C-alpha atoms as a PDB file:
ATOM      1  CA  MET A   1       7.859  -5.625  96.358  1.00  0.00           C
ATOM      2  CA  VAL A   2       6.293  -8.491  94.445  1.00  0.00           C
ATOM      3  CA  LYS A   3       2.735  -7.893  93.346  1.00  0.00           C
ATOM      4  CA  LYS A   4       0.462 -10.774  94.363  1.00  0.00           C
ATOM      5  CA  GLN A   5      -1.662 -12.082  91.524  1.00  0.00           C
ATOM      6  CA  ASN A   6      -5.187 -13.362  92.117  1.00  0.00           C
ATOM      7  CA  LYS A   7      -5.863 -16.955  91.145  1.00  0.00           C
ATOM      8  CA  VAL A   8      -7.697 -17.175  87.840  1.00  0.00           C
ATOM      9  CA  VAL A   9      -9.892 -20.150  87.039  1.00  0.00           C
ATOM     10  CA  ILE A  10     -11.449 -20.546  83.604  1.00  0.00           C
ATOM     11  CA  TYR A  11     -14.296 -23.000  83.199  1.00  0.00           C
ATOM     12  CA  SER A  12     -14.286 -23.874  79.517  1.00  0.00           C
ATOM     13  CA  THR A  13     -14.963 -26.344  76.753  1.00  0.00           C
ATOM     14  CA  PRO A  14     -12.653 -27.096  73.839  1.00  0.00           C
ATOM     15  CA  THR A  15     -15.253 -25.943  71.290  1.00  0.00           C
ATOM     16  CA  CYS A  16     -16.182 -22.636  72.954  1.00  0.00           C
ATOM     17  CA  PRO A  17     -14.722 -19.771  70.875  1.00  0.00           C
ATOM     18  CA  HIS A  18     -15.011 -17.329  73.784  1.00  0.00           C
ATOM     19  CA  CYS A  19     -13.114 -19.733  76.039  1.00  0.00           C
ATOM     20  CA  VAL A  20     -10.345 -20.145  73.460  1.00  0.00           C
ATOM     21  CA  ALA A  21     -10.115 -16.359  73.055  1.00  0.00           C
ATOM     22  CA  VAL A  22      -9.918 -15.566  76.766  1.00  0.00           C
ATOM     23  CA  LYS A  23      -7.280 -18.257  77.343  1.00  0.00           C
ATOM     24  CA  ALA A  24      -5.205 -16.867  74.455  1.00  0.00           C
ATOM     25  CA  PHE A  25      -5.574 -13.348  75.884  1.00  0.00           C
ATOM     26  CA  PHE A  26      -4.405 -14.407  79.351  1.00  0.00           C
ATOM     27  CA  LYS A  27      -1.471 -16.370  77.890  1.00  0.00           C
ATOM     28  CA  GLU A  28      -0.457 -13.342  75.823  1.00  0.00           C
ATOM     29  CA  LYS A  29      -0.557 -11.151  78.944  1.00  0.00           C
ATOM     30  CA  GLY A  30       1.387 -13.688  81.011  1.00  0.00           C
ATOM     31  CA  VAL A  31      -1.508 -14.350  83.377  1.00  0.00           C
ATOM     32  CA  LYS A  32      -1.395 -17.807  84.909  1.00  0.00           C
ATOM     33  CA  PHE A  33      -4.718 -19.605  85.094  1.00  0.00           C
ATOM     34  CA  LYS A  34      -6.249 -22.967  85.809  1.00  0.00           C
ATOM     35  CA  ASP A  35      -8.359 -24.308  82.948  1.00  0.00           C
ATOM     36  CA  ILE A  36     -11.218 -26.622  83.911  1.00  0.00           C
ATOM     37  CA  ASP A  37     -12.916 -28.428  81.021  1.00  0.00           C
ATOM     38  CA  VAL A  38     -16.586 -28.656  81.995  1.00  0.00           C
ATOM     39  CA  SER A  39     -17.304 -31.059  79.137  1.00  0.00           C
ATOM     40  CA  LYS A  40     -15.359 -33.717  81.026  1.00  0.00           C
ATOM     41  CA  SER A  41     -16.904 -33.254  84.459  1.00  0.00           C
ATOM     42  CA  ALA A  42     -20.492 -32.748  85.561  1.00  0.00           C
ATOM     43  CA  LYS A  43     -19.191 -31.541  88.921  1.00  0.00           C
ATOM     44  CA  ALA A  44     -17.084 -28.848  87.238  1.00  0.00           C
ATOM     45  CA  ALA A  45     -20.044 -27.780  85.095  1.00  0.00           C
ATOM     46  CA  LYS A  46     -22.173 -27.399  88.221  1.00  0.00           C
ATOM     47  CA  GLU A  47     -19.420 -25.370  89.923  1.00  0.00           C
ATOM     48  CA  ALA A  48     -19.219 -23.070  86.889  1.00  0.00           C
ATOM     49  CA  VAL A  49     -22.959 -22.419  86.875  1.00  0.00           C
ATOM     50  CA  GLN A  50     -23.011 -21.792  90.627  1.00  0.00           C
ATOM     51  CA  GLY A  51     -20.084 -19.387  90.235  1.00  0.00           C
ATOM     52  CA  VAL A  52     -21.922 -17.378  87.588  1.00  0.00           C
ATOM     53  CA  PHE A  53     -25.017 -17.076  89.743  1.00  0.00           C
ATOM     54  CA  LYS A  54     -22.886 -16.069  92.750  1.00  0.00           C
ATOM     55  CA  ALA A  55     -21.138 -13.364  90.698  1.00  0.00           C
ATOM     56  CA  ILE A  56     -24.452 -11.972  89.486  1.00  0.00           C
ATOM     57  CA  GLU A  57     -25.893 -12.048  92.997  1.00  0.00           C
ATOM     58  CA  ASP A  58     -22.854 -10.208  94.383  1.00  0.00           C
ATOM     59  CA  ALA A  59     -23.008  -7.588  91.622  1.00  0.00           C
ATOM     60  CA  LEU A  60     -26.696  -6.959  92.225  1.00  0.00           C
ATOM     61  CA  LYS A  61     -26.105  -6.556  95.965  1.00  0.00           C
ATOM     62  CA  LYS A  62     -23.519  -3.875  95.164  1.00  0.00           C
ATOM     63  CA  GLY A  63     -25.888  -2.182  92.733  1.00  0.00           C
ATOM     64  CA  ASP A  64     -23.887  -2.942  89.603  1.00  0.00           C
ATOM     65  CA  LYS A  65     -25.757  -3.214  86.328  1.00  0.00           C
ATOM     66  CA  VAL A  66     -25.402  -6.761  85.044  1.00  0.00           C
ATOM     67  CA  GLY A  67     -25.732  -7.362  81.337  1.00  0.00           C
ATOM     68  CA  VAL A  68     -26.628  -3.747  80.594  1.00  0.00           C
ATOM     69  CA  THR A  69     -24.741  -1.954  77.872  1.00  0.00           C
END
């Protein structure tokens, strides 16, 4: 049985150290991902921001603690 892998999309910029690190991590682990450079597209930047807000909203609906250590 082949395990289905979720699609991973990384919204990044070339100068973001966190973006570089997460892409290196996924490459090391063999995880395929689509990299979208938000510095080249206002539309992509807007999608990234909307995605973050959607993730936070979903987490709060489930009762997860967001940003709490």
